[in-house]
Each structure stands twice: as C-alpha cells, then as structure tokens.
C-alpha cells in the first residue's frame, strides 16, 4: 500500500490536537456534524446505555452506522475514537465475533482501552475487542490483515482523511467477499474555499473535509465496490457565526452509506431477469421489515420484485441468509417467449457464471485456444462442439463448500453464454441442470457435472 504523503502531516496534527486536546466532551462541539442525527434502533439504545460514561462522553459521531444481525461477525471500526461504536458492536457480535478499532489519537485510545474490562462485566463475558494505534489509510501496517473482516463501520471519520481513496482501497482489501462498509459521514453541496478547508475547527468537526457525493461514489466504483446505497440522510447545522461566514451558503449533510464487496462488484443477470426477493424476518430488531436503503424496504414474508443488481447484492453478501430469491428468465420456445423460474442458490450461481462470461469476452483470444480467453486461466482448452465453448469444469472433490462458484473462471474452461430472451428453452434447461448440480452439492467434484 502506498505510503502517506509528508504534506498530509499538518492535517493529522490538526485532527489529533482537536480530538485529543481541544475537545473534552461533545458539549464543546461548534456544529451538529459530530452528533448523531437520528434516533438509534431500540436495541442500539439499550446497549449504548450500558457503555461506560467515559466512553459515551467522548463520542463524536454523525450517524448510527452499526448494522443489526451481525452475531459472530468480525467488525472493523475506522477512526474508533473513544470506542463507543466498537463497544456497541462487540455486544452485537457476541463472544463468537470480534471487533477491532483503529485510531491515531492517543488520548482517545486510552479511554477506549481502559474501559473494556468494565464493559465485559456488564456483558457477562469478556468481549473480543481491541484497539489499534494507526492511520485509517494504512490498515495493513496497523495489523489489519487482508480479507479478515465481514463488516467495516465508520462514524464521521473518513472525511478527516487527506487521502480518502487510500482509505477505501484499504477497506476493500480488508473485507472478505460479501462484506460491507457501513458508515456515516459528511458531504457538501458546493466546493469549499481553501481557507475553510484548512480551518482547524471546520476540519476537526468534519466540515472542512466534506466530499461531494458524486466524487465519493466514483471513487468507490473505481475501487470495485457495488453501487453505493444511501440508508439515511440528515441536514447539518453550523452554529458558530464565525464559521458560518467561512462556509457561506454551503449546505452540509450527514449521509449513511452502504458499500458492498460482492464477488464481482456490480453483477446483473443477462437478458430480462425478474427477481423476487423475500425477507424472512430473522434479524432481531428488524422482525417486521428490513431497510436495505432508502429505495428498498422489505416486509417480512412479502415477496418484493427488485432490480437484478439489488438481488445480487443481497444474494452474494453477508445478508444472504436472511432472504430467499426467485428469478424468472424469458427464453424462446418454438418461436414464442416463455418464462423459466430459477430459485434459491441456483440464481446466485447463474449470476456469477454470466458475469464470468461477460468478462471473458472482453479479453483477447490467444492462439491455440478456444476464444474467448478467460482473464484468470490465460488459455482455454480446445473448443468444444457446443456454441458455449467449454462447459464449466469442476475442481477437486474435496474443495470447500461453496468454492466451486467463483472457481468457474479459473477452472481452465470458458464460462457459458448467459441465458437471455433469445436462448432456446432446451439450451437454457441444460444449463440450469448443471447450475442446480453446482448449487445443490457444492462439491466441485465429478458428481456435480
């Protein structure tokens, strides 16, 4: 990972001084940016009430970026500060999960570390909770291993970084496939003056480093995250008259975003795929409905038709166990159009295989191989008689459960063409039989194919 620029040292010094020496409690804040904009879920409120006062008093967040339903998960908190969100997350993940906070401010870290034992007595068990000293731009240097986390949270901190792209790149590397960056931060509707961006108080209270939403979303997409999803948004007020004069009429907002690291980023099934998603109501605190984002709310046991991209985020992320999926594909039969239904895990498998095909046709064919060439395997075996080039080749019999799905690209065979509205029904049926075997057995062995 790239090293931090020396020119950024002034920003780090300013932020450290503001949070370590200037602010003694949330009462010292001069804007509403570093205060929670909306009321947390009752489960979160209950846990927050049990967090030691010393930790709560030094909490400077702008949202509630802590998802429910994360029991047993490994969580990372960027810019954990006094540790409040880490303490809450530790209670949610339970004794089987873990929570790691990272911060660069010694005074905040001291508060976070010295209250763990007291919180453990409240919980009735010692939580798997630790705090690392380091920069959020340099996660691996601080001891955060690649693909070691299921959920990354952050509360009004990423805007403080002078290199936000580096932060998001590090998070993407730290997350496991299907993981998520679930965070709240501050955004502006206009470009700030250089004076405002360099002002110590505006910078410390998350205003000076506020991003344009479009700028942030482009960075996330370039790195490989699925399309960012807005979960909540609220207006931020600047109370101090001197600071108001510096920012003029610029409007600021606290936005809670969700960035998913799905196996292939944005994945869309080929053809005219209609996806019905049903939430099972199994997340405590969201028994009656689940809000994925401002545009997608799922009532318990009520099938909801969504876009293929949303269905793929749900089926290929840590949320998969809380939903069931039905896909209807349009195919050709004797010159007419019919619908074929694909249920459960077969749908996710089909999505992965179709994305693999789309990527393979972007590569250049190589001599002596069946075109198109796959990116990862480098060369295909001799072309098969079927129009699909090579059928998916299984891996070893003792492959781990579920590993056959992403191995399709690297198995040495060209992925099959996607099912579209022009695919003959007989051909589509044959493909779905193979997919069903992959999804049902998950063995990657000979019996699957």
Foldseek 3Di string as FASTA:
>chain_A
DDDDDPVCVLLVVLLLCCLQPVDPFPVSAQKLQQPADDDDQPLLVVQLVLQDPLLNRSRRFHHLQADFPQALFEEEEEQCFLPSNVSSNQLRNDQNYAYEYEHAHPNRQVNNPVCQVVSCVVSVHRTNYYYWHDHLLCVVVRPQAFQQGQEYEYGADLLSDPCNLSNLLVVLRSHHAQHKYKYKHKAKPDDFDPVQLSDSSCSNSRNSSHHHPVVVQVSLVVSQWAGKFWADKDWMGRRDPVSCVRRPPMTMMMTTIMTTRHVRHQFAAAADKKKWKAFQLPGPSQNQWDGPHPVDIHGHRDIDIDHRRVVLSCCRHPNNVRMWMKIWAWADEPNDIDIDIDTGPLVNLLRLLQVQLVQQQVAVADPQADPSHGDQQRGAHHFDPDPQGFDFQFDAQADDAPPRRNCSRNPRTRRGHGGHNHHYPVVVVVVSQLSCLCRVPSRSHPVSD
